[in-house]
Amino acid sequence: MCRNIRPLHNFAPPATDAEVHEAALQYVRKLSGSTRPSQANADAFDRAVGEVAAATRRLIDDLVTIAPPKNREAEAAKARARVAERYAR
């Protein structure tokens, strides 16, 4: 999985449309193998990002959990600690 795609489910506050779009963009970039499509492929690329974002939003909205929502700042702090430990070696 692309490292730039982060889990979006079960956070307080819920994932924004911008976060969903960014995840969709990263996913389509990974699949297509390019960060910026040529003019000939721009429409297909943009359409794919929109479709993936819509599917992602539906998925996140439909998922059910009994776990309490995660705190974004706490999760970010955990990630920073993992990175610091990884690169301290």
N, C-alpha and C. Protein backbone atom coordinates (compact mmCIF):
# COMPACT_ATOMS: atom_id res chain seq x y z
N MET A 1 0.84 -1.18 0.00
CA MET A 1 0.00 0.00 0.00
C MET A 1 0.88 1.24 0.00
N CYS A 2 0.41 2.26 -0.64
CA CYS A 2 1.14 3.51 -0.68
C CYS A 2 1.22 4.12 0.72
N ARG A 3 2.38 4.52 1.13
CA ARG A 3 2.55 5.06 2.48
C ARG A 3 1.78 6.35 2.71
N ASN A 4 1.47 7.09 1.65
CA ASN A 4 0.78 8.36 1.82
C ASN A 4 -0.72 8.20 2.04
N ILE A 5 -1.25 7.00 1.84
CA ILE A 5 -2.66 6.77 2.07
C ILE A 5 -2.82 6.36 3.53
N ARG A 6 -3.59 7.12 4.26
CA ARG A 6 -3.79 6.90 5.69
C ARG A 6 -5.19 6.34 5.94
N PRO A 7 -5.35 5.56 7.01
CA PRO A 7 -6.70 5.11 7.37
C PRO A 7 -7.58 6.33 7.63
N LEU A 8 -8.82 6.26 7.17
CA LEU A 8 -9.74 7.39 7.31
C LEU A 8 -10.95 7.04 8.16
N HIS A 9 -11.13 5.78 8.49
CA HIS A 9 -12.32 5.34 9.22
C HIS A 9 -12.14 5.48 10.73
N ASN A 10 -13.22 5.84 11.38
CA ASN A 10 -13.32 5.87 12.84
C ASN A 10 -12.43 6.92 13.49
N PHE A 11 -12.47 8.11 12.95
CA PHE A 11 -11.76 9.24 13.55
C PHE A 11 -12.78 10.29 13.98
N ALA A 12 -12.43 11.01 15.00
CA ALA A 12 -13.24 12.15 15.43
C ALA A 12 -12.40 13.40 15.25
N PRO A 13 -12.80 14.35 14.48
CA PRO A 13 -13.97 14.38 13.61
C PRO A 13 -13.78 13.46 12.40
N PRO A 14 -14.88 13.10 11.73
CA PRO A 14 -14.79 12.20 10.57
C PRO A 14 -13.92 12.78 9.46
N ALA A 15 -13.48 11.91 8.58
CA ALA A 15 -12.64 12.32 7.44
C ALA A 15 -13.37 13.34 6.58
N THR A 16 -12.64 14.35 6.17
CA THR A 16 -13.22 15.39 5.32
C THR A 16 -13.20 14.92 3.86
N ASP A 17 -13.96 15.62 3.03
CA ASP A 17 -13.95 15.31 1.60
C ASP A 17 -12.56 15.54 1.01
N ALA A 18 -11.84 16.52 1.53
CA ALA A 18 -10.48 16.79 1.03
C ALA A 18 -9.56 15.61 1.35
N GLU A 19 -9.68 15.04 2.54
CA GLU A 19 -8.85 13.88 2.90
C GLU A 19 -9.19 12.67 2.02
N VAL A 20 -10.48 12.48 1.76
CA VAL A 20 -10.91 11.38 0.90
C VAL A 20 -10.36 11.59 -0.52
N HIS A 21 -10.43 12.83 -1.00
CA HIS A 21 -9.93 13.13 -2.35
C HIS A 21 -8.42 12.89 -2.43
N GLU A 22 -7.68 13.32 -1.41
CA GLU A 22 -6.23 13.11 -1.41
C GLU A 22 -5.87 11.63 -1.40
N ALA A 23 -6.61 10.83 -0.65
CA ALA A 23 -6.36 9.39 -0.63
C ALA A 23 -6.66 8.79 -2.00
N ALA A 24 -7.75 9.22 -2.62
CA ALA A 24 -8.11 8.73 -3.96
C ALA A 24 -7.04 9.13 -4.98
N LEU A 25 -6.56 10.35 -4.87
CA LEU A 25 -5.52 10.83 -5.78
C LEU A 25 -4.25 9.99 -5.64
N GLN A 26 -3.84 9.70 -4.41
CA GLN A 26 -2.65 8.88 -4.20
C GLN A 26 -2.84 7.48 -4.77
N TYR A 27 -4.03 6.92 -4.58
CA TYR A 27 -4.32 5.58 -5.08
C TYR A 27 -4.24 5.55 -6.62
N VAL A 28 -4.86 6.52 -7.28
CA VAL A 28 -4.84 6.56 -8.74
C VAL A 28 -3.42 6.83 -9.25
N ARG A 29 -2.68 7.67 -8.57
CA ARG A 29 -1.28 7.90 -8.95
C ARG A 29 -0.48 6.61 -8.87
N LYS A 30 -0.71 5.85 -7.81
CA LYS A 30 0.03 4.59 -7.63
C LYS A 30 -0.32 3.61 -8.74
N LEU A 31 -1.60 3.48 -9.04
CA LEU A 31 -2.02 2.54 -10.07
C LEU A 31 -1.56 2.94 -11.46
N SER A 32 -1.62 4.24 -11.75
CA SER A 32 -1.28 4.71 -13.09
C SER A 32 0.22 4.82 -13.29
N GLY A 33 0.95 4.94 -12.20
CA GLY A 33 2.40 5.06 -12.32
C GLY A 33 2.87 6.46 -12.65
N SER A 34 1.98 7.44 -12.53
CA SER A 34 2.40 8.81 -12.81
C SER A 34 1.76 9.76 -11.80
N THR A 35 2.49 10.81 -11.47
CA THR A 35 1.95 11.79 -10.54
C THR A 35 1.13 12.85 -11.26
N ARG A 36 1.44 13.03 -12.54
CA ARG A 36 0.70 14.00 -13.34
C ARG A 36 0.50 13.38 -14.71
N PRO A 37 -0.75 13.14 -15.11
CA PRO A 37 -0.98 12.50 -16.40
C PRO A 37 -0.72 13.45 -17.57
N SER A 38 -0.51 12.88 -18.73
CA SER A 38 -0.38 13.70 -19.94
C SER A 38 -1.74 14.31 -20.26
N GLN A 39 -1.75 15.29 -21.14
CA GLN A 39 -3.02 15.93 -21.52
C GLN A 39 -3.98 14.91 -22.11
N ALA A 40 -3.44 13.94 -22.83
CA ALA A 40 -4.28 12.92 -23.46
C ALA A 40 -4.97 12.04 -22.41
N ASN A 41 -4.36 11.90 -21.24
CA ASN A 41 -4.92 11.03 -20.21
C ASN A 41 -5.54 11.79 -19.04
N ALA A 42 -5.53 13.11 -19.09
CA ALA A 42 -6.00 13.90 -17.95
C ALA A 42 -7.46 13.64 -17.61
N ASP A 43 -8.32 13.53 -18.62
CA ASP A 43 -9.73 13.30 -18.35
C ASP A 43 -9.96 11.95 -17.67
N ALA A 44 -9.30 10.91 -18.18
CA ALA A 44 -9.45 9.58 -17.59
C ALA A 44 -8.91 9.57 -16.16
N PHE A 45 -7.79 10.23 -15.95
CA PHE A 45 -7.17 10.31 -14.62
C PHE A 45 -8.11 11.02 -13.64
N ASP A 46 -8.62 12.18 -14.03
CA ASP A 46 -9.51 12.95 -13.17
C ASP A 46 -10.81 12.19 -12.89
N ARG A 47 -11.33 11.53 -13.90
CA ARG A 47 -12.55 10.74 -13.72
C ARG A 47 -12.31 9.60 -12.73
N ALA A 48 -11.16 8.95 -12.85
CA ALA A 48 -10.82 7.85 -11.93
C ALA A 48 -10.70 8.36 -10.50
N VAL A 49 -10.06 9.51 -10.31
CA VAL A 49 -9.93 10.08 -8.97
C VAL A 49 -11.32 10.36 -8.39
N GLY A 50 -12.20 10.93 -9.18
CA GLY A 50 -13.56 11.22 -8.71
C GLY A 50 -14.33 9.96 -8.34
N GLU A 51 -14.20 8.92 -9.17
CA GLU A 51 -14.91 7.68 -8.90
C GLU A 51 -14.36 6.97 -7.67
N VAL A 52 -13.06 6.97 -7.52
CA VAL A 52 -12.45 6.34 -6.34
C VAL A 52 -12.82 7.13 -5.08
N ALA A 53 -12.83 8.44 -5.16
CA ALA A 53 -13.20 9.26 -4.01
C ALA A 53 -14.66 9.00 -3.62
N ALA A 54 -15.55 8.88 -4.60
CA ALA A 54 -16.96 8.61 -4.30
C ALA A 54 -17.13 7.24 -3.66
N ALA A 55 -16.43 6.24 -4.19
CA ALA A 55 -16.51 4.90 -3.60
C ALA A 55 -15.93 4.88 -2.19
N THR A 56 -14.84 5.61 -1.99
CA THR A 56 -14.22 5.69 -0.67
C THR A 56 -15.16 6.35 0.33
N ARG A 57 -15.79 7.43 -0.07
CA ARG A 57 -16.73 8.13 0.82
C ARG A 57 -17.88 7.20 1.19
N ARG A 58 -18.45 6.49 0.20
CA ARG A 58 -19.54 5.55 0.50
C ARG A 58 -19.08 4.48 1.48
N LEU A 59 -17.89 3.95 1.27
CA LEU A 59 -17.35 2.92 2.16
C LEU A 59 -17.21 3.45 3.58
N ILE A 60 -16.57 4.58 3.73
CA ILE A 60 -16.34 5.15 5.07
C ILE A 60 -17.67 5.44 5.76
N ASP A 61 -18.63 5.97 5.01
CA ASP A 61 -19.93 6.30 5.59
C ASP A 61 -20.71 5.05 5.99
N ASP A 62 -20.51 3.94 5.29
CA ASP A 62 -21.27 2.72 5.56
C ASP A 62 -20.63 1.80 6.59
N LEU A 63 -19.34 2.00 6.90
CA LEU A 63 -18.68 1.13 7.87
C LEU A 63 -19.25 1.37 9.26
N VAL A 64 -19.38 0.27 10.01
CA VAL A 64 -19.92 0.34 11.37
C VAL A 64 -18.87 -0.21 12.32
N THR A 65 -18.73 0.42 13.48
CA THR A 65 -17.79 -0.06 14.49
C THR A 65 -18.33 0.26 15.87
N ILE A 66 -17.93 -0.56 16.84
CA ILE A 66 -18.31 -0.27 18.22
C ILE A 66 -17.14 0.35 18.99
N ALA A 67 -15.99 0.41 18.32
CA ALA A 67 -14.80 1.00 18.95
C ALA A 67 -14.97 2.51 19.06
N PRO A 68 -14.42 3.09 20.10
CA PRO A 68 -14.50 4.55 20.22
C PRO A 68 -13.66 5.20 19.12
N PRO A 69 -14.06 6.39 18.65
CA PRO A 69 -13.30 7.08 17.60
C PRO A 69 -11.87 7.37 18.06
N LYS A 70 -10.95 7.29 17.10
CA LYS A 70 -9.55 7.58 17.38
C LYS A 70 -9.32 9.09 17.31
N ASN A 71 -8.33 9.52 18.05
CA ASN A 71 -7.95 10.93 18.07
C ASN A 71 -6.85 11.15 17.04
N ARG A 72 -7.04 12.08 16.13
CA ARG A 72 -6.06 12.33 15.07
C ARG A 72 -4.69 12.73 15.60
N GLU A 73 -4.69 13.60 16.60
CA GLU A 73 -3.41 14.06 17.13
C GLU A 73 -2.66 12.92 17.82
N ALA A 74 -3.37 12.08 18.56
CA ALA A 74 -2.73 10.95 19.23
C ALA A 74 -2.17 9.96 18.22
N GLU A 75 -2.92 9.70 17.15
CA GLU A 75 -2.44 8.79 16.11
C GLU A 75 -1.22 9.37 15.39
N ALA A 76 -1.24 10.68 15.15
CA ALA A 76 -0.09 11.34 14.50
C ALA A 76 1.14 11.27 15.40
N ALA A 77 0.94 11.44 16.69
CA ALA A 77 2.07 11.35 17.63
C ALA A 77 2.65 9.94 17.64
N LYS A 78 1.80 8.93 17.60
CA LYS A 78 2.27 7.54 17.54
C LYS A 78 3.09 7.31 16.27
N ALA A 79 2.60 7.84 15.15
CA ALA A 79 3.31 7.68 13.88
C ALA A 79 4.67 8.36 13.93
N ARG A 80 4.72 9.56 14.50
CA ARG A 80 6.01 10.26 14.61
C ARG A 80 6.98 9.48 15.49
N ALA A 81 6.47 8.87 16.56
CA ALA A 81 7.33 8.07 17.44
C ALA A 81 7.87 6.84 16.70
N ARG A 82 7.03 6.21 15.89
CA ARG A 82 7.49 5.05 15.11
C ARG A 82 8.58 5.46 14.12
N VAL A 83 8.39 6.59 13.47
CA VAL A 83 9.37 7.08 12.50
C VAL A 83 10.69 7.41 13.21
N ALA A 84 10.60 8.08 14.35
CA ALA A 84 11.81 8.43 15.11
C ALA A 84 12.56 7.19 15.53
N GLU A 85 11.84 6.18 15.96
CA GLU A 85 12.48 4.93 16.37
C GLU A 85 13.12 4.22 15.17
N ARG A 86 12.44 4.23 14.05
CA ARG A 86 12.93 3.56 12.84
C ARG A 86 14.24 4.20 12.37
N TYR A 87 14.31 5.53 12.40
CA TYR A 87 15.48 6.21 11.87
C TYR A 87 16.58 6.43 12.91
N ALA A 88 16.29 6.13 14.17
CA ALA A 88 17.30 6.25 15.21
C ALA A 88 18.26 5.08 15.20
N ARG A 89 17.87 4.01 14.55
CA ARG A 89 18.70 2.80 14.52
C ARG A 89 19.91 2.97 13.65
